Amino acid sequence: MSAVMDAKKILQSSGLEQLELIYASNIPKEMQDNTDKTIALITDVDMRLDLDGNDTFHGAEREVEIQLFYKLDIDFDLDSFEFALLKLFRNNHWSIADIREHTVDPDTLQVTWVFYVVEHKILN
């Protein structure tokens, strides 16, 4: 399974009510202007081969970007929610690679947040 789909599966199993929609690779056109729901978009960033030995590699580090588009009427504590997301990935053996600051989308006025996580995968 791709790293994007692995990350999506983790988010779907989180039970976090604040996360209303989760998309892999792109947001459908009909949802791009939605400001009533908090949406996560997961995209590929990088893959690095790892664990070299015997003229081959035995592992890979797969990095994904998770972009959050918060609904306009935020009715939950962002810090608590974001820390829960970071812990969710950490508890599933992913590393937190980077965390970006909050920004405001100039078109929709939604608060957005981006973070990067890395899965360390051992290959057969």
PDB file of N, CA and C in Angstrom:
ATOM      1  N   MET A   1       0.847  -1.177   0.000  1.00  0.00           N
ATOM      2  CA  MET A   1       0.000   0.000   0.000  1.00  0.00           C
ATOM      3  C   MET A   1       0.891   1.239   0.000  1.00  0.00           C
ATOM      4  N   SER A   2       0.467   2.277  -0.684  1.00  0.00           N
ATOM      5  CA  SER A   2       1.264   3.501  -0.745  1.00  0.00           C
ATOM      6  C   SER A   2       1.263   4.207   0.605  1.00  0.00           C
ATOM      7  N   ALA A   3       2.247   5.065   0.807  1.00  0.00           N
ATOM      8  CA  ALA A   3       2.335   5.822   2.059  1.00  0.00           C
ATOM      9  C   ALA A   3       1.111   6.716   2.235  1.00  0.00           C
ATOM     10  N   VAL A   4       0.620   7.291   1.144  1.00  0.00           N
ATOM     11  CA  VAL A   4      -0.572   8.142   1.215  1.00  0.00           C
ATOM     12  C   VAL A   4      -1.764   7.338   1.724  1.00  0.00           C
ATOM     13  N   MET A   5      -1.942   6.140   1.197  1.00  0.00           N
ATOM     14  CA  MET A   5      -3.073   5.313   1.624  1.00  0.00           C
ATOM     15  C   MET A   5      -2.883   4.807   3.052  1.00  0.00           C
ATOM     16  N   ASP A   6      -1.642   4.510   3.439  1.00  0.00           N
ATOM     17  CA  ASP A   6      -1.376   4.126   4.833  1.00  0.00           C
ATOM     18  C   ASP A   6      -1.745   5.265   5.782  1.00  0.00           C
ATOM     19  N   ALA A   7      -1.365   6.485   5.428  1.00  0.00           N
ATOM     20  CA  ALA A   7      -1.679   7.648   6.266  1.00  0.00           C
ATOM     21  C   ALA A   7      -3.187   7.895   6.311  1.00  0.00           C
ATOM     22  N   LYS A   8      -3.853   7.728   5.189  1.00  0.00           N
ATOM     23  CA  LYS A   8      -5.313   7.907   5.150  1.00  0.00           C
ATOM     24  C   LYS A   8      -5.992   6.901   6.072  1.00  0.00           C
ATOM     25  N   LYS A   9      -5.529   5.670   6.030  1.00  0.00           N
ATOM     26  CA  LYS A   9      -6.098   4.623   6.885  1.00  0.00           C
ATOM     27  C   LYS A   9      -5.936   4.984   8.367  1.00  0.00           C
ATOM     28  N   ILE A  10      -4.779   5.518   8.731  1.00  0.00           N
ATOM     29  CA  ILE A  10      -4.539   5.937  10.120  1.00  0.00           C
ATOM     30  C   ILE A  10      -5.520   7.039  10.512  1.00  0.00           C
ATOM     31  N   LEU A  11      -5.689   8.035   9.654  1.00  0.00           N
ATOM     32  CA  LEU A  11      -6.613   9.128   9.958  1.00  0.00           C
ATOM     33  C   LEU A  11      -8.054   8.632  10.052  1.00  0.00           C
ATOM     34  N   GLN A  12      -8.442   7.727   9.148  1.00  0.00           N
ATOM     35  CA  GLN A  12      -9.810   7.209   9.164  1.00  0.00           C
ATOM     36  C   GLN A  12     -10.107   6.422  10.433  1.00  0.00           C
ATOM     37  N   SER A  13      -9.103   5.764  10.975  1.00  0.00           N
ATOM     38  CA  SER A  13      -9.314   4.948  12.175  1.00  0.00           C
ATOM     39  C   SER A  13      -9.147   5.750  13.466  1.00  0.00           C
ATOM     40  N   SER A  14      -8.885   7.047  13.351  1.00  0.00           N
ATOM     41  CA  SER A  14      -8.551   7.861  14.523  1.00  0.00           C
ATOM     42  C   SER A  14      -9.719   8.102  15.462  1.00  0.00           C
ATOM     43  N   GLY A  15     -10.918   8.142  14.929  1.00  0.00           N
ATOM     44  CA  GLY A  15     -12.075   8.462  15.752  1.00  0.00           C
ATOM     45  C   GLY A  15     -12.172   9.939  16.113  1.00  0.00           C
ATOM     46  N   LEU A  16     -11.347  10.779  15.503  1.00  0.00           N
ATOM     47  CA  LEU A  16     -11.385  12.218  15.779  1.00  0.00           C
ATOM     48  C   LEU A  16     -12.568  12.842  15.031  1.00  0.00           C
ATOM     49  N   GLU A  17     -13.580  13.241  15.780  1.00  0.00           N
ATOM     50  CA  GLU A  17     -14.802  13.789  15.187  1.00  0.00           C
ATOM     51  C   GLU A  17     -14.557  15.088  14.427  1.00  0.00           C
ATOM     52  N   GLN A  18     -13.534  15.837  14.827  1.00  0.00           N
ATOM     53  CA  GLN A  18     -13.257  17.125  14.188  1.00  0.00           C
ATOM     54  C   GLN A  18     -12.835  16.962  12.733  1.00  0.00           C
ATOM     55  N   LEU A  19     -12.266  15.808  12.408  1.00  0.00           N
ATOM     56  CA  LEU A  19     -11.783  15.534  11.055  1.00  0.00           C
ATOM     57  C   LEU A  19     -12.937  14.928  10.258  1.00  0.00           C
ATOM     58  N   GLU A  20     -13.571  15.753   9.432  1.00  0.00           N
ATOM     59  CA  GLU A  20     -14.818  15.340   8.792  1.00  0.00           C
ATOM     60  C   GLU A  20     -14.637  14.674   7.429  1.00  0.00           C
ATOM     61  N   LEU A  21     -13.649  15.099   6.662  1.00  0.00           N
ATOM     62  CA  LEU A  21     -13.399  14.510   5.347  1.00  0.00           C
ATOM     63  C   LEU A  21     -11.905  14.306   5.162  1.00  0.00           C
ATOM     64  N   ILE A  22     -11.539  13.166   4.560  1.00  0.00           N
ATOM     65  CA  ILE A  22     -10.129  12.834   4.334  1.00  0.00           C
ATOM     66  C   ILE A  22      -9.971  12.434   2.871  1.00  0.00           C
ATOM     67  N   TYR A  23      -9.061  13.099   2.182  1.00  0.00           N
ATOM     68  CA  TYR A  23      -8.823  12.804   0.774  1.00  0.00           C
ATOM     69  C   TYR A  23      -7.354  12.476   0.543  1.00  0.00           C
ATOM     70  N   ALA A  24      -7.118  11.561  -0.398  1.00  0.00           N
ATOM     71  CA  ALA A  24      -5.769  11.184  -0.803  1.00  0.00           C
ATOM     72  C   ALA A  24      -5.492  11.783  -2.180  1.00  0.00           C
ATOM     73  N   SER A  25      -4.377  12.455  -2.316  1.00  0.00           N
ATOM     74  CA  SER A  25      -3.857  13.003  -3.579  1.00  0.00           C
ATOM     75  C   SER A  25      -4.537  14.277  -4.066  1.00  0.00           C
ATOM     76  N   ASN A  26      -5.870  14.348  -4.034  1.00  0.00           N
ATOM     77  CA  ASN A  26      -6.538  15.587  -4.447  1.00  0.00           C
ATOM     78  C   ASN A  26      -7.927  15.681  -3.825  1.00  0.00           C
ATOM     79  N   ILE A  27      -8.413  16.888  -3.745  1.00  0.00           N
ATOM     80  CA  ILE A  27      -9.767  17.132  -3.243  1.00  0.00           C
ATOM     81  C   ILE A  27     -10.685  17.208  -4.456  1.00  0.00           C
ATOM     82  N   PRO A  28     -11.793  16.459  -4.452  1.00  0.00           N
ATOM     83  CA  PRO A  28     -12.710  16.514  -5.597  1.00  0.00           C
ATOM     84  C   PRO A  28     -13.171  17.949  -5.875  1.00  0.00           C
ATOM     85  N   LYS A  29     -13.363  18.247  -7.131  1.00  0.00           N
ATOM     86  CA  LYS A  29     -13.727  19.604  -7.551  1.00  0.00           C
ATOM     87  C   LYS A  29     -14.944  20.131  -6.791  1.00  0.00           C
ATOM     88  N   GLU A  30     -15.939  19.278  -6.585  1.00  0.00           N
ATOM     89  CA  GLU A  30     -17.167  19.723  -5.926  1.00  0.00           C
ATOM     90  C   GLU A  30     -16.962  20.059  -4.444  1.00  0.00           C
ATOM     91  N   MET A  31     -15.826  19.662  -3.864  1.00  0.00           N
ATOM     92  CA  MET A  31     -15.548  19.940  -2.451  1.00  0.00           C
ATOM     93  C   MET A  31     -14.511  21.047  -2.257  1.00  0.00           C
ATOM     94  N   GLN A  32     -13.918  21.542  -3.321  1.00  0.00           N
ATOM     95  CA  GLN A  32     -12.819  22.497  -3.206  1.00  0.00           C
ATOM     96  C   GLN A  32     -13.213  23.832  -2.591  1.00  0.00           C
ATOM     97  N   ASP A  33     -14.457  24.220  -2.713  1.00  0.00           N
ATOM     98  CA  ASP A  33     -14.907  25.486  -2.128  1.00  0.00           C
ATOM     99  C   ASP A  33     -15.652  25.290  -0.817  1.00  0.00           C
ATOM    100  N   ASN A  34     -15.684  24.061  -0.316  1.00  0.00           N
ATOM    101  CA  ASN A  34     -16.404  23.772   0.923  1.00  0.00           C
ATOM    102  C   ASN A  34     -15.700  24.418   2.109  1.00  0.00           C
ATOM    103  N   THR A  35     -16.445  25.157   2.906  1.00  0.00           N
ATOM    104  CA  THR A  35     -15.890  25.786   4.112  1.00  0.00           C
ATOM    105  C   THR A  35     -16.643  25.360   5.365  1.00  0.00           C
ATOM    106  N   ASP A  36     -17.570  24.403   5.219  1.00  0.00           N
ATOM    107  CA  ASP A  36     -18.397  23.945   6.341  1.00  0.00           C
ATOM    108  C   ASP A  36     -17.815  22.744   7.067  1.00  0.00           C
ATOM    109  N   LYS A  37     -16.791  22.130   6.497  1.00  0.00           N
ATOM    110  CA  LYS A  37     -16.207  20.920   7.081  1.00  0.00           C
ATOM    111  C   LYS A  37     -14.693  21.061   7.180  1.00  0.00           C
ATOM    112  N   THR A  38     -14.127  20.377   8.151  1.00  0.00           N
ATOM    113  CA  THR A  38     -12.673  20.310   8.268  1.00  0.00           C
ATOM    114  C   THR A  38     -12.195  19.160   7.394  1.00  0.00           C
ATOM    115  N   ILE A  39     -11.293  19.471   6.474  1.00  0.00           N
ATOM    116  CA  ILE A  39     -10.854  18.520   5.455  1.00  0.00           C
ATOM    117  C   ILE A  39      -9.354  18.280   5.575  1.00  0.00           C
ATOM    118  N   ALA A  40      -8.956  17.018   5.434  1.00  0.00           N
ATOM    119  CA  ALA A  40      -7.539  16.653   5.369  1.00  0.00           C
ATOM    120  C   ALA A  40      -7.219  16.205   3.948  1.00  0.00           C
ATOM    121  N   LEU A  41      -6.098  16.678   3.434  1.00  0.00           N
ATOM    122  CA  LEU A  41      -5.590  16.249   2.133  1.00  0.00           C
ATOM    123  C   LEU A  41      -4.200  15.668   2.347  1.00  0.00           C
ATOM    124  N   ILE A  42      -4.011  14.423   1.904  1.00  0.00           N
ATOM    125  CA  ILE A  42      -2.736  13.722   2.073  1.00  0.00           C
ATOM    126  C   ILE A  42      -2.087  13.557   0.704  1.00  0.00           C
ATOM    127  N   THR A  43      -0.833  13.991   0.577  1.00  0.00           N
ATOM    128  CA  THR A  43      -0.116  13.869  -0.693  1.00  0.00           C
ATOM    129  C   THR A  43       1.298  13.335  -0.458  1.00  0.00           C
ATOM    130  N   ASP A  44       1.844  12.700  -1.495  1.00  0.00           N
ATOM    131  CA  ASP A  44       3.220  12.202  -1.457  1.00  0.00           C
ATOM    132  C   ASP A  44       4.204  13.357  -1.445  1.00  0.00           C
ATOM    133  N   VAL A  45       5.307  13.176  -0.728  1.00  0.00           N
ATOM    134  CA  VAL A  45       6.377  14.168  -0.716  1.00  0.00           C
ATOM    135  C   VAL A  45       7.673  13.564  -1.225  1.00  0.00           C
ATOM    136  N   ASP A  46       8.082  12.436  -0.637  1.00  0.00           N
ATOM    137  CA  ASP A  46       9.414  11.917  -0.930  1.00  0.00           C
ATOM    138  C   ASP A  46       9.498  10.453  -0.528  1.00  0.00           C
ATOM    139  N   MET A  47      10.417   9.739  -1.164  1.00  0.00           N
ATOM    140  CA  MET A  47      10.762   8.389  -0.729  1.00  0.00           C
ATOM    141  C   MET A  47      12.276   8.248  -0.832  1.00  0.00           C
ATOM    142  N   ARG A  48      12.883   7.801   0.254  1.00  0.00           N
ATOM    143  CA  ARG A  48      14.328   7.582   0.290  1.00  0.00           C
ATOM    144  C   ARG A  48      14.584   6.111   0.618  1.00  0.00           C
ATOM    145  N   LEU A  49      15.483   5.497  -0.140  1.00  0.00           N
ATOM    146  CA  LEU A  49      15.840   4.105   0.125  1.00  0.00           C
ATOM    147  C   LEU A  49      16.778   4.053   1.320  1.00  0.00           C
ATOM    148  N   ASP A  50      16.703   2.955   2.065  1.00  0.00           N
ATOM    149  CA  ASP A  50      17.402   2.872   3.342  1.00  0.00           C
ATOM    150  C   ASP A  50      17.852   1.432   3.577  1.00  0.00           C
ATOM    151  N   LEU A  51      18.626   1.245   4.599  1.00  0.00           N
ATOM    152  CA  LEU A  51      19.103  -0.071   5.042  1.00  0.00           C
ATOM    153  C   LEU A  51      19.828  -0.816   3.923  1.00  0.00           C
ATOM    154  N   ASP A  52      20.882  -0.196   3.408  1.00  0.00           N
ATOM    155  CA  ASP A  52      21.681  -0.813   2.354  1.00  0.00           C
ATOM    156  C   ASP A  52      22.451  -2.015   2.887  1.00  0.00           C
ATOM    157  N   GLY A  53      22.549  -3.028   2.051  1.00  0.00           N
ATOM    158  CA  GLY A  53      23.346  -4.201   2.397  1.00  0.00           C
ATOM    159  C   GLY A  53      23.237  -5.258   1.318  1.00  0.00           C
ATOM    160  N   ASN A  54      24.308  -6.002   1.109  1.00  0.00           N
ATOM    161  CA  ASN A  54      24.336  -7.061   0.104  1.00  0.00           C
ATOM    162  C   ASN A  54      23.925  -6.553  -1.281  1.00  0.00           C
ATOM    163  N   ASP A  55      24.436  -5.382  -1.641  1.00  0.00           N
ATOM    164  CA  ASP A  55      24.190  -4.784  -2.958  1.00  0.00           C
ATOM    165  C   ASP A  55      22.716  -4.485  -3.246  1.00  0.00           C
ATOM    166  N   THR A  56      21.938  -4.235  -2.210  1.00  0.00           N
ATOM    167  CA  THR A  56      20.536  -3.872  -2.400  1.00  0.00           C
ATOM    168  C   THR A  56      20.087  -2.989  -1.235  1.00  0.00           C
ATOM    169  N   PHE A  57      18.834  -2.673  -1.177  1.00  0.00           N
ATOM    170  CA  PHE A  57      18.276  -1.911  -0.055  1.00  0.00           C
ATOM    171  C   PHE A  57      17.175  -2.746   0.594  1.00  0.00           C
ATOM    172  N   HIS A  58      16.961  -2.521   1.857  1.00  0.00           N
ATOM    173  CA  HIS A  58      15.995  -3.325   2.610  1.00  0.00           C
ATOM    174  C   HIS A  58      14.943  -2.479   3.317  1.00  0.00           C
ATOM    175  N   GLY A  59      14.971  -1.186   3.072  1.00  0.00           N
ATOM    176  CA  GLY A  59      13.999  -0.311   3.713  1.00  0.00           C
ATOM    177  C   GLY A  59      13.768   0.944   2.902  1.00  0.00           C
ATOM    178  N   ALA A  60      12.746   1.661   3.306  1.00  0.00           N
ATOM    179  CA  ALA A  60      12.425   2.930   2.657  1.00  0.00           C
ATOM    180  C   ALA A  60      11.819   3.875   3.683  1.00  0.00           C
ATOM    181  N   GLU A  61      12.134   5.141   3.526  1.00  0.00           N
ATOM    182  CA  GLU A  61      11.490   6.191   4.311  1.00  0.00           C
ATOM    183  C   GLU A  61      10.528   6.895   3.369  1.00  0.00           C
ATOM    184  N   ARG A  62       9.240   6.836   3.703  1.00  0.00           N
ATOM    185  CA  ARG A  62       8.210   7.401   2.831  1.00  0.00           C
ATOM    186  C   ARG A  62       7.552   8.583   3.543  1.00  0.00           C
ATOM    187  N   GLU A  63       7.664   9.755   2.928  1.00  0.00           N
ATOM    188  CA  GLU A  63       7.162  10.977   3.550  1.00  0.00           C
ATOM    189  C   GLU A  63       5.894  11.461   2.857  1.00  0.00           C
ATOM    190  N   VAL A  64       4.925  11.888   3.668  1.00  0.00           N
ATOM    191  CA  VAL A  64       3.699  12.466   3.137  1.00  0.00           C
ATOM    192  C   VAL A  64       3.436  13.821   3.787  1.00  0.00           C
ATOM    193  N   GLU A  65       2.688  14.641   3.072  1.00  0.00           N
ATOM    194  CA  GLU A  65       2.245  15.939   3.576  1.00  0.00           C
ATOM    195  C   GLU A  65       0.767  15.816   3.919  1.00  0.00           C
ATOM    196  N   ILE A  66       0.399  16.335   5.079  1.00  0.00           N
ATOM    197  CA  ILE A  66      -1.004  16.369   5.469  1.00  0.00           C
ATOM    198  C   ILE A  66      -1.399  17.832   5.624  1.00  0.00           C
ATOM    199  N   GLN A  67      -2.313  18.254   4.766  1.00  0.00           N
ATOM    200  CA  GLN A  67      -2.828  19.623   4.807  1.00  0.00           C
ATOM    201  C   GLN A  67      -4.216  19.590   5.427  1.00  0.00           C
ATOM    202  N   LEU A  68      -4.440  20.454   6.384  1.00  0.00           N
ATOM    203  CA  LEU A  68      -5.760  20.567   6.991  1.00  0.00           C
ATOM    204  C   LEU A  68      -6.371  21.899   6.600  1.00  0.00           C
ATOM    205  N   PHE A  69      -7.615  21.840   6.181  1.00  0.00           N
ATOM    206  CA  PHE A  69      -8.401  23.022   5.862  1.00  0.00           C
ATOM    207  C   PHE A  69      -9.537  23.051   6.878  1.00  0.00           C
ATOM    208  N   TYR A  70      -9.412  23.930   7.866  1.00  0.00           N
ATOM    209  CA  TYR A  70     -10.408  23.975   8.936  1.00  0.00           C
ATOM    210  C   TYR A  70     -11.679  24.660   8.466  1.00  0.00           C
ATOM    211  N   LYS A  71     -12.812  24.156   8.959  1.00  0.00           N
ATOM    212  CA  LYS A  71     -14.079  24.816   8.645  1.00  0.00           C
ATOM    213  C   LYS A  71     -14.050  26.241   9.193  1.00  0.00           C
ATOM    214  N   LEU A  72     -14.836  27.115   8.588  1.00  0.00           N
ATOM    215  CA  LEU A  72     -14.817  28.523   8.990  1.00  0.00           C
ATOM    216  C   LEU A  72     -15.254  28.721  10.436  1.00  0.00           C
ATOM    217  N   ASP A  73     -16.268  27.984  10.847  1.00  0.00           N
ATOM    218  CA  ASP A  73     -16.794  28.112  12.206  1.00  0.00           C
ATOM    219  C   ASP A  73     -16.130  27.053  13.092  1.00  0.00           C
ATOM    220  N   ILE A  74     -14.890  27.298  13.471  1.00  0.00           N
ATOM    221  CA  ILE A  74     -14.138  26.325  14.277  1.00  0.00           C
ATOM    222  C   ILE A  74     -14.741  26.284  15.675  1.00  0.00           C
ATOM    223  N   ASP A  75     -15.222  25.097  16.062  1.00  0.00           N
ATOM    224  CA  ASP A  75     -15.882  24.942  17.354  1.00  0.00           C
ATOM    225  C   ASP A  75     -15.157  23.940  18.256  1.00  0.00           C
ATOM    226  N   PHE A  76     -13.846  23.824  18.059  1.00  0.00           N
ATOM    227  CA  PHE A  76     -13.037  22.922  18.882  1.00  0.00           C
ATOM    228  C   PHE A  76     -11.665  23.550  19.082  1.00  0.00           C
ATOM    229  N   ASP A  77     -10.940  23.034  20.061  1.00  0.00           N
ATOM    230  CA  ASP A  77      -9.617  23.561  20.393  1.00  0.00           C
ATOM    231  C   ASP A  77      -8.582  23.036  19.398  1.00  0.00           C
ATOM    232  N   LEU A  78      -7.989  23.937  18.623  1.00  0.00           N
ATOM    233  CA  LEU A  78      -7.017  23.531  17.601  1.00  0.00           C
ATOM    234  C   LEU A  78      -5.806  22.831  18.203  1.00  0.00           C
ATOM    235  N   ASP A  79      -5.269  23.362  19.290  1.00  0.00           N
ATOM    236  CA  ASP A  79      -4.081  22.748  19.896  1.00  0.00           C
ATOM    237  C   ASP A  79      -4.339  21.301  20.284  1.00  0.00           C
ATOM    238  N   SER A  80      -5.434  21.045  20.973  1.00  0.00           N
ATOM    239  CA  SER A  80      -5.748  19.678  21.403  1.00  0.00           C
ATOM    240  C   SER A  80      -5.907  18.754  20.204  1.00  0.00           C
ATOM    241  N   PHE A  81      -6.604  19.223  19.187  1.00  0.00           N
ATOM    242  CA  PHE A  81      -6.824  18.428  17.984  1.00  0.00           C
ATOM    243  C   PHE A  81      -5.509  18.137  17.268  1.00  0.00           C
ATOM    244  N   GLU A  82      -4.683  19.150  17.097  1.00  0.00           N
ATOM    245  CA  GLU A  82      -3.427  18.973  16.370  1.00  0.00           C
ATOM    246  C   GLU A  82      -2.452  18.080  17.125  1.00  0.00           C
ATOM    247  N   PHE A  83      -2.381  18.238  18.438  1.00  0.00           N
ATOM    248  CA  PHE A  83      -1.519  17.342  19.214  1.00  0.00           C
ATOM    249  C   PHE A  83      -2.022  15.903  19.129  1.00  0.00           C
ATOM    250  N   ALA A  84      -3.335  15.716  19.108  1.00  0.00           N
ATOM    251  CA  ALA A  84      -3.897  14.369  18.964  1.00  0.00           C
ATOM    252  C   ALA A  84      -3.498  13.762  17.622  1.00  0.00           C
ATOM    253  N   LEU A  85      -3.512  14.562  16.556  1.00  0.00           N
ATOM    254  CA  LEU A  85      -3.087  14.068  15.241  1.00  0.00           C
ATOM    255  C   LEU A  85      -1.618  13.664  15.241  1.00  0.00           C
ATOM    256  N   LEU A  86      -0.778  14.511  15.799  1.00  0.00           N
ATOM    257  CA  LEU A  86       0.656  14.207  15.838  1.00  0.00           C
ATOM    258  C   LEU A  86       0.922  12.947  16.656  1.00  0.00           C
ATOM    259  N   LYS A  87       0.256  12.818  17.793  1.00  0.00           N
ATOM    260  CA  LYS A  87       0.419  11.616  18.622  1.00  0.00           C
ATOM    261  C   LYS A  87      -0.106  10.376  17.910  1.00  0.00           C
ATOM    262  N   LEU A  88      -1.175  10.542  17.142  1.00  0.00           N
ATOM    263  CA  LEU A  88      -1.734   9.431  16.382  1.00  0.00           C
ATOM    264  C   LEU A  88      -0.683   8.837  15.450  1.00  0.00           C
ATOM    265  N   PHE A  89       0.013   9.698  14.712  1.00  0.00           N
ATOM    266  CA  PHE A  89       1.043   9.189  13.807  1.00  0.00           C
ATOM    267  C   PHE A  89       2.233   8.638  14.578  1.00  0.00           C
ATOM    268  N   ARG A  90       2.626   9.309  15.627  1.00  0.00           N
ATOM    269  CA  ARG A  90       3.754   8.826  16.438  1.00  0.00           C
ATOM    270  C   ARG A  90       3.444   7.451  17.024  1.00  0.00           C
ATOM    271  N   ASN A  91       2.203   7.258  17.498  1.00  0.00           N
ATOM    272  CA  ASN A  91       1.789   5.972  18.069  1.00  0.00           C
ATOM    273  C   ASN A  91       1.695   4.868  17.027  1.00  0.00           C
ATOM    274  N   ASN A  92       1.629   5.254  15.756  1.00  0.00           N
ATOM    275  CA  ASN A  92       1.604   4.276  14.664  1.00  0.00           C
ATOM    276  C   ASN A  92       2.970   4.143  14.002  1.00  0.00           C
ATOM    277  N   HIS A  93       4.015   4.562  14.731  1.00  0.00           N
ATOM    278  CA  HIS A  93       5.414   4.372  14.329  1.00  0.00           C
ATOM    279  C   HIS A  93       5.845   5.226  13.136  1.00  0.00           C
ATOM    280  N   TRP A  94       5.255   6.399  12.991  1.00  0.00           N
ATOM    281  CA  TRP A  94       5.690   7.377  12.004  1.00  0.00           C
ATOM    282  C   TRP A  94       6.454   8.456  12.746  1.00  0.00           C
ATOM    283  N   SER A  95       7.373   9.108  12.053  1.00  0.00           N
ATOM    284  CA  SER A  95       8.117  10.232  12.627  1.00  0.00           C
ATOM    285  C   SER A  95       7.502  11.541  12.139  1.00  0.00           C
ATOM    286  N   ILE A  96       7.538  12.544  12.994  1.00  0.00           N
ATOM    287  CA  ILE A  96       7.084  13.874  12.600  1.00  0.00           C
ATOM    288  C   ILE A  96       8.288  14.571  11.962  1.00  0.00           C
ATOM    289  N   ALA A  97       8.192  14.893  10.674  1.00  0.00           N
ATOM    290  CA  ALA A  97       9.318  15.479   9.944  1.00  0.00           C
ATOM    291  C   ALA A  97       9.323  17.001  10.008  1.00  0.00           C
ATOM    292  N   ASP A  98       8.145  17.604   9.958  1.00  0.00           N
ATOM    293  CA  ASP A  98       8.071  19.067   9.961  1.00  0.00           C
ATOM    294  C   ASP A  98       6.651  19.491  10.299  1.00  0.00           C
ATOM    295  N   ILE A  99       6.545  20.637  10.936  1.00  0.00           N
ATOM    296  CA  ILE A  99       5.249  21.224  11.271  1.00  0.00           C
ATOM    297  C   ILE A  99       5.305  22.681  10.838  1.00  0.00           C
ATOM    298  N   ARG A 100       4.346  23.082  10.033  1.00  0.00           N
ATOM    299  CA  ARG A 100       4.312  24.452   9.526  1.00  0.00           C
ATOM    300  C   ARG A 100       3.323  25.298  10.327  1.00  0.00           C
ATOM    301  N   GLU A 101       3.455  26.593  10.174  1.00  0.00           N
ATOM    302  CA  GLU A 101       2.577  27.515  10.896  1.00  0.00           C
ATOM    303  C   GLU A 101       1.188  27.528  10.264  1.00  0.00           C
ATOM    304  N   HIS A 102       0.225  28.017  11.024  1.00  0.00           N
ATOM    305  CA  HIS A 102      -1.120  28.206  10.489  1.00  0.00           C
ATOM    306  C   HIS A 102      -1.098  29.361   9.489  1.00  0.00           C
ATOM    307  N   THR A 103      -1.887  29.227   8.454  1.00  0.00           N
ATOM    308  CA  THR A 103      -2.065  30.309   7.494  1.00  0.00           C
ATOM    309  C   THR A 103      -3.561  30.459   7.225  1.00  0.00           C
ATOM    310  N   VAL A 104      -3.915  31.525   6.555  1.00  0.00           N
ATOM    311  CA  VAL A 104      -5.306  31.740   6.162  1.00  0.00           C
ATOM    312  C   VAL A 104      -5.372  31.717   4.643  1.00  0.00           C
ATOM    313  N   ASP A 105      -6.232  30.851   4.117  1.00  0.00           N
ATOM    314  CA  ASP A 105      -6.429  30.775   2.675  1.00  0.00           C
ATOM    315  C   ASP A 105      -7.068  32.088   2.212  1.00  0.00           C
ATOM    316  N   PRO A 106      -6.434  32.809   1.280  1.00  0.00           N
ATOM    317  CA  PRO A 106      -6.960  34.119   0.877  1.00  0.00           C
ATOM    318  C   PRO A 106      -8.296  34.047   0.130  1.00  0.00           C
ATOM    319  N   ASP A 107      -8.594  32.899  -0.473  1.00  0.00           N
ATOM    320  CA  ASP A 107      -9.847  32.769  -1.225  1.00  0.00           C
ATOM    321  C   ASP A 107     -11.026  32.396  -0.334  1.00  0.00           C
ATOM    322  N   THR A 108     -10.817  31.426   0.564  1.00  0.00           N
ATOM    323  CA  THR A 108     -11.929  30.929   1.388  1.00  0.00           C
ATOM    324  C   THR A 108     -11.908  31.474   2.812  1.00  0.00           C
ATOM    325  N   LEU A 109     -10.792  32.082   3.205  1.00  0.00           N
ATOM    326  CA  LEU A 109     -10.573  32.593   4.570  1.00  0.00           C
ATOM    327  C   LEU A 109     -10.504  31.488   5.624  1.00  0.00           C
ATOM    328  N   GLN A 110     -10.286  30.258   5.183  1.00  0.00           N
ATOM    329  CA  GLN A 110     -10.126  29.144   6.113  1.00  0.00           C
ATOM    330  C   GLN A 110      -8.727  29.153   6.715  1.00  0.00           C
ATOM    331  N   VAL A 111      -8.638  28.785   7.983  1.00  0.00           N
ATOM    332  CA  VAL A 111      -7.345  28.534   8.610  1.00  0.00           C
ATOM    333  C   VAL A 111      -6.844  27.207   8.059  1.00  0.00           C
ATOM    334  N   THR A 112      -5.571  27.172   7.676  1.00  0.00           N
ATOM    335  CA  THR A 112      -4.969  25.932   7.186  1.00  0.00           C
ATOM    336  C   THR A 112      -3.746  25.600   8.032  1.00  0.00           C
ATOM    337  N   TRP A 113      -3.395  24.331   8.025  1.00  0.00           N
ATOM    338  CA  TRP A 113      -2.233  23.865   8.774  1.00  0.00           C
ATOM    339  C   TRP A 113      -1.633  22.690   8.021  1.00  0.00           C
ATOM    340  N   VAL A 114      -0.319  22.618   7.977  1.00  0.00           N
ATOM    341  CA  VAL A 114       0.377  21.560   7.243  1.00  0.00           C
ATOM    342  C   VAL A 114       1.421  20.925   8.142  1.00  0.00           C
ATOM    343  N   PHE A 115       1.479  19.575   8.094  1.00  0.00           N
ATOM    344  CA  PHE A 115       2.573  18.879   8.756  1.00  0.00           C
ATOM    345  C   PHE A 115       3.010  17.703   7.891  1.00  0.00           C
ATOM    346  N   TYR A 116       4.236  17.254   8.142  1.00  0.00           N
ATOM    347  CA  TYR A 116       4.851  16.193   7.350  1.00  0.00           C
ATOM    348  C   TYR A 116       5.216  15.033   8.266  1.00  0.00           C
ATOM    349  N   VAL A 117       4.907  13.822   7.815  1.00  0.00           N
ATOM    350  CA  VAL A 117       5.237  12.627   8.591  1.00  0.00           C
ATOM    351  C   VAL A 117       5.967  11.628   7.702  1.00  0.00           C
ATOM    352  N   VAL A 118       6.805  10.811   8.338  1.00  0.00           N
ATOM    353  CA  VAL A 118       7.623   9.837   7.617  1.00  0.00           C
ATOM    354  C   VAL A 118       7.373   8.450   8.191  1.00  0.00           C
ATOM    355  N   GLU A 119       7.116   7.515   7.283  1.00  0.00           N
ATOM    356  CA  GLU A 119       6.975   6.107   7.659  1.00  0.00           C
ATOM    357  C   GLU A 119       8.296   5.406   7.334  1.00  0.00           C
ATOM    358  N   HIS A 120       8.830   4.697   8.297  1.00  0.00           N
ATOM    359  CA  HIS A 120      10.060   3.923   8.104  1.00  0.00           C
ATOM    360  C   HIS A 120       9.633   2.484   7.837  1.00  0.00           C
ATOM    361  N   LYS A 121       9.731   2.072   6.594  1.00  0.00           N
ATOM    362  CA  LYS A 121       9.209   0.768   6.180  1.00  0.00           C
ATOM    363  C   LYS A 121      10.354  -0.193   5.888  1.00  0.00           C
ATOM    364  N   ILE A 122      10.280  -1.364   6.491  1.00  0.00           N
ATOM    365  CA  ILE A 122      11.249  -2.425   6.210  1.00  0.00           C
ATOM    366  C   ILE A 122      10.646  -3.319   5.137  1.00  0.00           C
ATOM    367  N   LEU A 123      11.413  -3.559   4.088  1.00  0.00           N
ATOM    368  CA  LEU A 123      10.936  -4.333   2.947  1.00  0.00           C
ATOM    369  C   LEU A 123      11.316  -5.797   3.091  1.00  0.00           C
ATOM    370  N   ASN A 124      10.545  -6.638   2.453  1.00  0.00           N
ATOM    371  CA  ASN A 124      10.837  -8.089   2.475  1.00  0.00           C
ATOM    372  C   ASN A 124      11.977  -8.420   1.549  1.00  0.00           C
TER     373      ASN A 124
END
